[in-house]
Amino acid sequence: MTTISVGMLGCGTVGTGVLTLLNRATNQIAESIKVHFNVKKIAVSHPDKKRNLHWDEDVQFTG
C-alpha cells in the first residue's frame, strides 16, 4: 500500500467536500488503486477558527 501525504489550500465548501469524499471512500480507494491519502496540513485564512470536520486523522491548519 502506498501512502501519499496531501496538503490542501483552503477548507471552505470545496475543501470540506474533498475531505468528506476522501474520508468516505478511503477503503474503496485503498482496495481499487492501493493508495492511502494522508491529509497532513491545510492552509486557511483563519487557522484558529473552529471547524466541524469529520476526519479520522490529525490535520494541522496553517495560515
N, C-alpha and C. Protein backbone atom coordinates (compact mmCIF):
# COMPACT_ATOMS: atom_id res chain seq x y z
N MET A 1 0.85 -1.18 0.00
CA MET A 1 0.00 0.00 0.00
C MET A 1 0.89 1.23 0.00
N THR A 2 0.62 2.14 -0.90
CA THR A 2 1.33 3.40 -1.00
C THR A 2 0.59 4.47 -0.22
N THR A 3 1.31 5.26 0.55
CA THR A 3 0.70 6.38 1.27
C THR A 3 1.17 7.67 0.63
N ILE A 4 0.22 8.53 0.33
CA ILE A 4 0.51 9.83 -0.25
C ILE A 4 0.10 10.90 0.75
N SER A 5 1.07 11.71 1.18
CA SER A 5 0.77 12.82 2.08
C SER A 5 0.24 13.98 1.25
N VAL A 6 -0.82 14.61 1.75
CA VAL A 6 -1.51 15.65 1.00
C VAL A 6 -1.55 16.94 1.81
N GLY A 7 -1.31 18.05 1.13
CA GLY A 7 -1.53 19.37 1.69
C GLY A 7 -2.60 20.04 0.86
N MET A 8 -3.49 20.77 1.50
CA MET A 8 -4.58 21.42 0.79
C MET A 8 -4.53 22.92 0.98
N LEU A 9 -5.07 23.65 0.01
CA LEU A 9 -5.23 25.10 0.11
C LEU A 9 -6.71 25.37 0.25
N GLY A 10 -7.10 25.81 1.44
CA GLY A 10 -8.49 26.16 1.68
C GLY A 10 -9.30 25.02 2.25
N CYS A 11 -10.28 25.41 3.06
CA CYS A 11 -11.16 24.41 3.67
C CYS A 11 -12.57 24.99 3.78
N GLY A 12 -12.99 25.60 2.67
CA GLY A 12 -14.35 26.12 2.60
C GLY A 12 -15.27 25.03 2.09
N THR A 13 -16.18 25.38 1.24
CA THR A 13 -17.13 24.43 0.69
C THR A 13 -16.44 23.32 -0.09
N VAL A 14 -15.55 23.69 -0.99
CA VAL A 14 -14.88 22.70 -1.83
C VAL A 14 -13.90 21.85 -1.02
N GLY A 15 -13.05 22.49 -0.21
CA GLY A 15 -12.08 21.75 0.59
C GLY A 15 -12.73 20.78 1.55
N THR A 16 -13.81 21.21 2.20
CA THR A 16 -14.55 20.33 3.10
C THR A 16 -15.16 19.17 2.34
N GLY A 17 -15.65 19.45 1.13
CA GLY A 17 -16.20 18.39 0.29
C GLY A 17 -15.16 17.37 -0.11
N VAL A 18 -13.96 17.84 -0.44
CA VAL A 18 -12.87 16.92 -0.79
C VAL A 18 -12.52 16.04 0.41
N LEU A 19 -12.40 16.63 1.59
CA LEU A 19 -12.10 15.84 2.79
C LEU A 19 -13.19 14.82 3.07
N THR A 20 -14.44 15.23 2.90
CA THR A 20 -15.56 14.32 3.14
C THR A 20 -15.52 13.14 2.17
N LEU A 21 -15.28 13.42 0.90
CA LEU A 21 -15.20 12.34 -0.10
C LEU A 21 -14.03 11.40 0.17
N LEU A 22 -12.88 11.98 0.51
CA LEU A 22 -11.72 11.14 0.82
C LEU A 22 -12.00 10.27 2.04
N ASN A 23 -12.65 10.83 3.03
CA ASN A 23 -12.96 10.08 4.25
C ASN A 23 -13.95 8.94 3.96
N ARG A 24 -14.98 9.23 3.18
CA ARG A 24 -15.99 8.22 2.86
C ARG A 24 -15.44 7.10 1.98
N ALA A 25 -14.53 7.46 1.08
CA ALA A 25 -14.06 6.50 0.08
C ALA A 25 -12.69 5.92 0.41
N THR A 26 -12.20 6.11 1.62
CA THR A 26 -10.86 5.64 1.98
C THR A 26 -10.67 4.16 1.68
N ASN A 27 -11.59 3.33 2.13
CA ASN A 27 -11.46 1.88 1.91
C ASN A 27 -11.58 1.52 0.44
N GLN A 28 -12.50 2.16 -0.26
CA GLN A 28 -12.69 1.88 -1.69
C GLN A 28 -11.45 2.28 -2.49
N ILE A 29 -10.88 3.44 -2.17
CA ILE A 29 -9.66 3.88 -2.86
C ILE A 29 -8.52 2.92 -2.57
N ALA A 30 -8.37 2.54 -1.32
CA ALA A 30 -7.29 1.64 -0.94
C ALA A 30 -7.40 0.30 -1.64
N GLU A 31 -8.62 -0.22 -1.77
CA GLU A 31 -8.81 -1.51 -2.43
C GLU A 31 -8.60 -1.43 -3.94
N SER A 32 -9.06 -0.35 -4.56
CA SER A 32 -9.01 -0.29 -6.02
C SER A 32 -7.64 0.13 -6.56
N ILE A 33 -7.01 1.14 -5.97
CA ILE A 33 -5.73 1.60 -6.52
C ILE A 33 -4.56 1.45 -5.54
N LYS A 34 -4.83 0.86 -4.39
CA LYS A 34 -3.76 0.57 -3.41
C LYS A 34 -3.04 1.82 -2.94
N VAL A 35 -3.82 2.89 -2.68
CA VAL A 35 -3.25 4.15 -2.22
C VAL A 35 -4.03 4.63 -1.01
N HIS A 36 -3.31 5.11 0.00
CA HIS A 36 -3.92 5.74 1.17
C HIS A 36 -3.51 7.20 1.16
N PHE A 37 -4.49 8.12 1.18
CA PHE A 37 -4.21 9.54 1.23
C PHE A 37 -4.18 10.00 2.68
N ASN A 38 -3.08 10.64 3.06
CA ASN A 38 -2.89 11.12 4.42
C ASN A 38 -2.84 12.65 4.37
N VAL A 39 -3.96 13.30 4.71
CA VAL A 39 -4.01 14.76 4.70
C VAL A 39 -3.26 15.26 5.93
N LYS A 40 -2.18 15.99 5.69
CA LYS A 40 -1.32 16.46 6.77
C LYS A 40 -1.65 17.88 7.21
N LYS A 41 -1.70 18.80 6.23
CA LYS A 41 -1.91 20.21 6.55
C LYS A 41 -2.89 20.84 5.57
N ILE A 42 -3.59 21.86 6.09
CA ILE A 42 -4.48 22.64 5.26
C ILE A 42 -4.19 24.11 5.52
N ALA A 43 -3.87 24.85 4.46
CA ALA A 43 -3.62 26.28 4.58
C ALA A 43 -4.96 27.02 4.47
N VAL A 44 -5.25 27.83 5.48
CA VAL A 44 -6.51 28.58 5.52
C VAL A 44 -6.22 30.01 5.98
N SER A 45 -7.19 30.90 5.77
CA SER A 45 -7.02 32.30 6.19
C SER A 45 -7.03 32.45 7.71
N HIS A 46 -7.86 31.64 8.38
CA HIS A 46 -8.01 31.74 9.83
C HIS A 46 -7.78 30.36 10.46
N PRO A 47 -6.52 30.03 10.77
CA PRO A 47 -6.20 28.69 11.27
C PRO A 47 -6.82 28.38 12.64
N ASP A 48 -7.15 29.39 13.43
CA ASP A 48 -7.70 29.14 14.76
C ASP A 48 -9.22 28.98 14.77
N LYS A 49 -9.85 29.16 13.63
CA LYS A 49 -11.30 29.04 13.52
C LYS A 49 -11.74 27.60 13.79
N LYS A 50 -12.81 27.47 14.57
CA LYS A 50 -13.33 26.13 14.86
C LYS A 50 -14.04 25.60 13.62
N ARG A 51 -13.68 24.38 13.24
CA ARG A 51 -14.26 23.75 12.06
C ARG A 51 -14.87 22.41 12.43
N ASN A 52 -15.96 22.10 11.81
CA ASN A 52 -16.66 20.84 12.07
C ASN A 52 -16.30 19.84 10.97
N LEU A 53 -15.09 19.26 11.09
CA LEU A 53 -14.64 18.29 10.11
C LEU A 53 -14.76 16.89 10.68
N HIS A 54 -15.19 15.99 9.85
CA HIS A 54 -15.28 14.59 10.24
C HIS A 54 -14.14 13.85 9.55
N TRP A 55 -12.97 13.95 10.12
CA TRP A 55 -11.78 13.36 9.54
C TRP A 55 -11.12 12.49 10.60
N ASP A 56 -10.70 11.29 10.21
CA ASP A 56 -10.16 10.32 11.16
C ASP A 56 -8.76 10.66 11.66
N GLU A 57 -8.01 11.40 10.87
CA GLU A 57 -6.62 11.66 11.21
C GLU A 57 -6.43 13.09 11.72
N ASP A 58 -5.30 13.34 12.36
CA ASP A 58 -4.96 14.68 12.80
C ASP A 58 -4.58 15.53 11.61
N VAL A 59 -5.28 16.62 11.43
CA VAL A 59 -4.99 17.56 10.36
C VAL A 59 -4.56 18.86 11.00
N GLN A 60 -3.43 19.42 10.56
CA GLN A 60 -2.96 20.69 11.09
C GLN A 60 -3.39 21.81 10.15
N PHE A 61 -3.89 22.88 10.74
CA PHE A 61 -4.26 24.06 9.97
C PHE A 61 -3.15 25.10 10.12
N THR A 62 -2.81 25.72 9.01
CA THR A 62 -1.76 26.74 9.00
C THR A 62 -2.24 27.94 8.20
N GLY A 63 -1.68 29.09 8.48
CA GLY A 63 -2.07 30.32 7.80
C GLY A 63 -1.31 30.54 6.51
